[in-house]
Amino acid sequence: MKTSDIFDIKMPPAFQLAAFESLDSTNDELRRRAMDGATANTVICALEQTKGRGRRGRTWVSEKGNLFCSILQKPQVSIQEAAKSSFVAALAIHDAIAEAVRGFDCNVQCKWPNDVLVDSYKVSGILLESQAQKGQSQLDWLIIGIGINLNHSPAETPYPSGYINAYRNKALNPAEMLEILLRHFQLWFERWETLGFQAVRDAWLDRAKGLGEEIIVNLSDKKLIGTFETLDPDGALVLQTTQGQQVITAGDVFFAK
């Protein structure tokens, strides 16, 4: 694997970065390192991925020009609690993108469960992977994989996709986007650890698309239509339908309008 010096960036001192021209997957490389005892705040980046993955085993198109990175964390939480870090990462991505497009005429929002949209186009994705301590429910390590579309987006996707540089006069490169992202990631991860998930939940709801509006949720076996009321204390989507309130832990959200 050939390393890359393009990611020569200013970042919070807690992070240790290893960058490559090409990897199978930044999550896969970081998992190998986590199994070998890598420390928290290890970051892996690549200019391209040959086997990028998204949620539910979907392929993540990983051509050069976009940002692909994975961050290792070791919070003192259970495996179940660690799943809430997807909202932490979504807030970091949201605020980083909002900084990147500040001054331009566009709207940055969060989409449940962990996407970030610009003018209703999906521009990022998150993939969590974790391992419990042997024989316990306590977390051993957590990998937060992040992809942000900078220069291009896939043409055929279930949800319309876009890219950040379409909204800027001067294009951002992956290194510049990573520098912004890590600042916001450190801030939100520390807030989660010190203030708990309630603070994260409230901040996410402030940035949510479709809150209080009619949405469509595709589940594995059916489609639900209702009003997006809130998130429950664990981050599940609370949907008010004609059949009553539904609490949804996994699904794909689409907007009626």
Protein backbone atom coordinates (compact mmCIF):
# COMPACT_ATOMS: atom_id res chain seq x y z
CA MET A 1 0.00 0.00 0.00
CA LYS A 2 1.46 3.31 -1.09
CA THR A 3 1.15 6.15 1.38
CA SER A 4 0.14 9.68 0.34
CA ASP A 5 1.51 13.02 1.53
CA ILE A 6 -1.48 14.98 0.19
CA PHE A 7 -3.01 14.82 3.70
CA ASP A 8 -0.36 17.08 5.23
CA ILE A 9 -2.86 19.05 7.29
CA LYS A 10 -3.32 20.93 10.53
CA MET A 11 -5.47 18.80 12.80
CA PRO A 12 -6.20 18.50 16.53
CA PRO A 13 -3.08 17.07 18.22
CA ALA A 14 -4.99 14.08 19.61
CA PHE A 15 -5.35 12.52 16.14
CA GLN A 16 -2.78 10.30 14.42
CA LEU A 17 -3.21 10.12 10.65
CA ALA A 18 -2.13 7.48 8.15
CA ALA A 19 -2.96 8.34 4.52
CA PHE A 20 -2.80 6.18 1.40
CA GLU A 21 -3.23 6.63 -2.32
CA SER A 22 -5.50 3.58 -2.52
CA LEU A 23 -7.03 1.08 -0.09
CA ASP A 24 -9.59 -1.68 -0.26
CA SER A 25 -11.53 0.23 2.43
CA THR A 26 -10.46 2.71 5.08
CA ASN A 27 -12.69 0.85 7.55
CA ASP A 28 -10.99 -2.45 6.70
CA GLU A 29 -7.51 -0.98 7.15
CA LEU A 30 -8.47 0.59 10.46
CA ARG A 31 -10.06 -2.66 11.65
CA ARG A 32 -6.79 -4.47 10.98
CA ARG A 33 -4.98 -1.85 13.03
CA ALA A 34 -7.58 -1.91 15.82
CA MET A 35 -7.14 -5.68 16.10
CA ASP A 36 -3.40 -5.03 16.47
CA GLY A 37 -3.96 -2.53 19.30
CA ALA A 38 -4.12 0.85 17.56
CA THR A 39 -4.92 3.73 19.90
CA ALA A 40 -8.05 5.88 19.95
CA ASN A 41 -8.06 8.80 17.48
CA THR A 42 -6.17 6.86 14.82
CA VAL A 43 -7.40 8.14 11.45
CA ILE A 44 -7.09 6.36 8.10
CA CYS A 45 -7.63 8.19 4.79
CA ALA A 46 -7.33 7.17 1.18
CA LEU A 47 -7.59 9.00 -2.13
CA GLU A 48 -9.66 6.09 -3.42
CA GLN A 49 -11.19 2.83 -2.19
CA THR A 50 -11.49 -0.31 -4.28
CA LYS A 51 -14.06 -1.98 -2.01
CA GLY A 52 -15.86 0.90 -0.30
CA ARG A 53 -18.95 -0.07 1.70
CA GLY A 54 -22.02 1.75 2.95
CA ARG A 55 -24.90 0.86 5.25
CA ARG A 56 -26.62 -2.52 4.88
CA GLY A 57 -23.78 -3.90 2.75
CA ARG A 58 -24.30 -1.41 -0.06
CA THR A 59 -21.38 -0.41 -2.26
CA TRP A 60 -19.97 3.08 -1.63
CA VAL A 61 -18.68 4.50 -4.93
CA SER A 62 -15.14 5.65 -4.10
CA GLU A 63 -13.51 7.43 -7.03
CA LYS A 64 -10.68 9.91 -6.50
CA GLY A 65 -11.65 13.44 -5.56
CA ASN A 66 -13.99 12.70 -2.65
CA LEU A 67 -13.12 12.24 1.03
CA PHE A 68 -12.86 8.71 2.44
CA CYS A 69 -11.75 8.35 6.05
CA SER A 70 -12.21 6.23 9.16
CA ILE A 71 -11.71 7.25 12.79
CA LEU A 72 -10.98 4.88 15.68
CA GLN A 73 -12.55 5.62 19.06
CA LYS A 74 -12.66 3.77 22.39
CA PRO A 75 -15.36 5.40 24.53
CA GLN A 76 -16.24 3.68 27.81
CA VAL A 77 -19.73 2.59 26.73
CA SER A 78 -21.66 -0.55 25.84
CA ILE A 79 -21.92 -1.82 22.28
CA GLN A 80 -25.55 -0.67 22.24
CA GLU A 81 -24.65 2.83 23.39
CA ALA A 82 -21.84 3.05 20.83
CA ALA A 83 -24.42 2.88 18.02
CA LYS A 84 -25.51 6.41 18.98
CA SER A 85 -22.16 7.70 17.74
CA SER A 86 -23.65 7.79 14.25
CA PHE A 87 -25.55 10.92 15.35
CA VAL A 88 -22.32 12.37 16.74
CA ALA A 89 -20.61 11.80 13.41
CA ALA A 90 -23.59 13.22 11.49
CA LEU A 91 -23.40 16.42 13.53
CA ALA A 92 -19.67 16.72 12.87
CA ILE A 93 -20.22 16.20 9.14
CA HIS A 94 -23.14 18.62 9.07
CA ASP A 95 -21.20 21.39 10.79
CA ALA A 96 -18.08 20.76 8.70
CA ILE A 97 -20.05 20.96 5.47
CA ALA A 98 -21.93 24.03 6.72
CA GLU A 99 -18.54 25.67 7.28
CA ALA A 100 -17.36 24.59 3.84
CA VAL A 101 -20.36 26.16 2.07
CA ARG A 102 -20.76 29.19 4.34
CA GLY A 103 -21.68 32.25 2.31
CA PHE A 104 -23.17 30.21 -0.52
CA ASP A 105 -26.89 29.87 -1.11
CA CYS A 106 -27.63 26.33 0.09
CA ASN A 107 -29.26 24.50 2.98
CA VAL A 108 -27.42 21.82 4.99
CA GLN A 109 -29.57 19.35 6.99
CA CYS A 110 -29.40 15.96 8.69
CA LYS A 111 -31.48 13.02 7.42
CA TRP A 112 -32.30 10.09 9.68
CA PRO A 113 -30.52 7.94 10.53
CA ASN A 114 -27.10 9.30 9.58
CA ASP A 115 -27.02 11.13 6.26
CA VAL A 116 -26.25 14.79 5.60
CA LEU A 117 -28.02 16.64 2.80
CA VAL A 118 -27.26 19.85 0.91
CA ASP A 119 -30.38 21.28 -0.75
CA SER A 120 -31.97 17.82 -0.22
CA TYR A 121 -29.15 15.99 -2.04
CA LYS A 122 -27.24 13.34 -0.09
CA VAL A 123 -23.57 14.30 0.12
CA SER A 124 -22.21 11.96 2.79
CA GLY A 125 -22.49 8.59 4.43
CA ILE A 126 -21.45 6.92 7.69
CA LEU A 127 -20.55 3.29 8.41
CA LEU A 128 -20.02 2.14 12.01
CA GLU A 129 -18.16 -1.02 12.95
CA SER A 130 -17.37 -2.14 16.48
CA GLN A 131 -16.13 -4.97 18.63
CA ALA A 132 -17.03 -5.83 22.22
CA GLN A 133 -14.54 -6.76 24.88
CA LYS A 134 -14.18 -10.54 25.04
CA GLY A 135 -17.14 -12.11 26.78
CA GLN A 136 -18.67 -8.72 27.66
CA SER A 137 -21.16 -6.18 26.33
CA GLN A 138 -18.67 -3.34 26.91
CA LEU A 139 -17.14 -1.76 23.83
CA ASP A 140 -13.55 -2.62 22.92
CA TRP A 141 -13.24 -0.36 19.88
CA LEU A 142 -15.42 1.64 17.50
CA ILE A 143 -14.68 2.58 13.89
CA ILE A 144 -16.56 5.50 12.33
CA GLY A 145 -16.22 5.42 8.56
CA ILE A 146 -17.09 8.65 6.75
CA GLY A 147 -17.47 9.45 3.07
CA ILE A 148 -18.13 12.99 1.80
CA ASN A 149 -18.81 13.78 -1.85
CA LEU A 150 -16.61 16.69 -2.87
CA ASN A 151 -16.05 16.55 -6.62
CA HIS A 152 -18.67 14.08 -7.87
CA SER A 153 -21.51 11.82 -6.81
CA PRO A 154 -22.86 8.47 -8.04
CA ALA A 155 -25.45 8.70 -10.80
CA GLU A 156 -27.81 5.89 -9.79
CA THR A 157 -28.72 5.88 -6.10
CA PRO A 158 -31.94 5.19 -4.14
CA TYR A 159 -31.82 8.79 -2.88
CA PRO A 160 -30.67 11.78 -5.02
CA SER A 161 -27.00 12.57 -4.38
CA GLY A 162 -24.85 15.65 -4.84
CA TYR A 163 -21.39 17.01 -4.07
CA ILE A 164 -19.98 19.91 -2.09
CA ASN A 165 -17.90 21.66 -4.73
CA ALA A 166 -21.00 22.25 -6.84
CA TYR A 167 -21.82 24.94 -4.26
CA ARG A 168 -18.40 26.59 -4.08
CA ASN A 169 -16.44 28.95 -6.30
CA LYS A 170 -13.13 27.34 -5.28
CA ALA A 171 -13.03 23.56 -5.03
CA LEU A 172 -12.13 21.89 -1.73
CA ASN A 173 -9.76 18.94 -1.90
CA PRO A 174 -10.04 15.90 0.42
CA ALA A 175 -7.24 17.11 2.71
CA GLU A 176 -8.92 20.48 3.27
CA MET A 177 -12.25 18.80 3.99
CA LEU A 178 -10.61 16.36 6.43
CA GLU A 179 -9.01 19.23 8.34
CA ILE A 180 -12.41 20.88 8.81
CA LEU A 181 -14.10 17.58 9.64
CA LEU A 182 -11.67 16.54 12.38
CA ARG A 183 -12.11 19.83 14.22
CA HIS A 184 -15.87 19.36 14.35
CA PHE A 185 -15.60 15.65 15.08
CA GLN A 186 -13.45 16.23 18.15
CA LEU A 187 -15.90 18.86 19.41
CA TRP A 188 -18.99 16.68 19.05
CA PHE A 189 -17.37 13.51 20.33
CA GLU A 190 -16.24 15.34 23.48
CA ARG A 191 -19.75 16.78 23.91
CA TRP A 192 -21.23 13.28 23.69
CA GLU A 193 -18.80 11.95 26.28
CA THR A 194 -19.30 14.85 28.71
CA LEU A 195 -22.95 15.86 28.20
CA GLY A 196 -24.48 12.56 27.09
CA PHE A 197 -26.72 11.64 24.19
CA GLN A 198 -29.52 14.07 25.12
CA ALA A 199 -27.36 17.03 24.04
CA VAL A 200 -26.49 15.24 20.79
CA ARG A 201 -30.14 14.32 20.16
CA ASP A 202 -31.30 17.92 20.69
CA ALA A 203 -28.63 19.31 18.36
CA TRP A 204 -29.44 16.72 15.69
CA LEU A 205 -33.16 17.53 15.84
CA ASP A 206 -32.32 21.22 15.37
CA ARG A 207 -30.67 20.27 12.06
CA ALA A 208 -33.15 17.60 10.93
CA LYS A 209 -34.96 17.63 7.61
CA GLY A 210 -38.63 16.71 7.68
CA LEU A 211 -39.26 17.17 11.40
CA GLY A 212 -42.97 17.76 11.94
CA GLU A 213 -43.70 16.89 8.32
CA GLU A 214 -45.00 13.87 6.44
CA ILE A 215 -42.29 11.38 5.48
CA ILE A 216 -42.09 7.91 3.98
CA VAL A 217 -40.09 5.18 5.71
CA ASN A 218 -39.20 2.05 3.77
CA LEU A 219 -38.72 -0.94 6.04
CA SER A 220 -37.48 -4.37 4.99
CA ASP A 221 -41.05 -5.67 4.61
CA LYS A 222 -43.32 -2.63 4.27
CA LYS A 223 -43.63 1.12 3.74
CA LEU A 224 -44.90 3.51 6.41
CA ILE A 225 -46.22 7.04 5.88
CA GLY A 226 -46.65 9.46 8.75
CA THR A 227 -45.46 12.56 10.55
CA PHE A 228 -41.86 12.64 11.78
CA GLU A 229 -42.48 13.59 15.41
CA THR A 230 -39.10 13.27 17.11
CA LEU A 231 -36.30 10.89 18.08
CA ASP A 232 -36.74 8.68 21.13
CA PRO A 233 -34.02 8.72 23.85
CA ASP A 234 -32.05 6.07 21.95
CA GLY A 235 -32.19 7.79 18.55
CA ALA A 236 -35.05 5.77 17.05
CA LEU A 237 -37.39 7.65 14.72
CA VAL A 238 -40.85 8.30 16.17
CA LEU A 239 -43.47 8.31 13.41
CA GLN A 240 -47.14 9.19 13.93
CA THR A 241 -49.26 7.21 11.45
CA THR A 242 -52.99 6.69 10.99
CA GLN A 243 -52.53 3.38 12.85
CA GLY A 244 -50.82 5.07 15.78
CA GLN A 245 -47.29 5.88 16.84
CA GLN A 246 -44.47 3.77 15.41
CA VAL A 247 -40.91 3.66 16.79
CA ILE A 248 -38.48 2.76 14.01
CA THR A 249 -34.92 1.59 14.62
CA ALA A 250 -33.90 0.85 11.01
CA GLY A 251 -35.25 2.02 7.67
CA ASP A 252 -34.78 4.35 4.70
CA VAL A 253 -36.44 7.76 4.88
CA PHE A 254 -37.88 9.62 1.91
CA PHE A 255 -39.67 12.94 1.93
CA ALA A 256 -43.21 13.44 0.69
CA LYS A 257 -42.43 16.86 -0.80
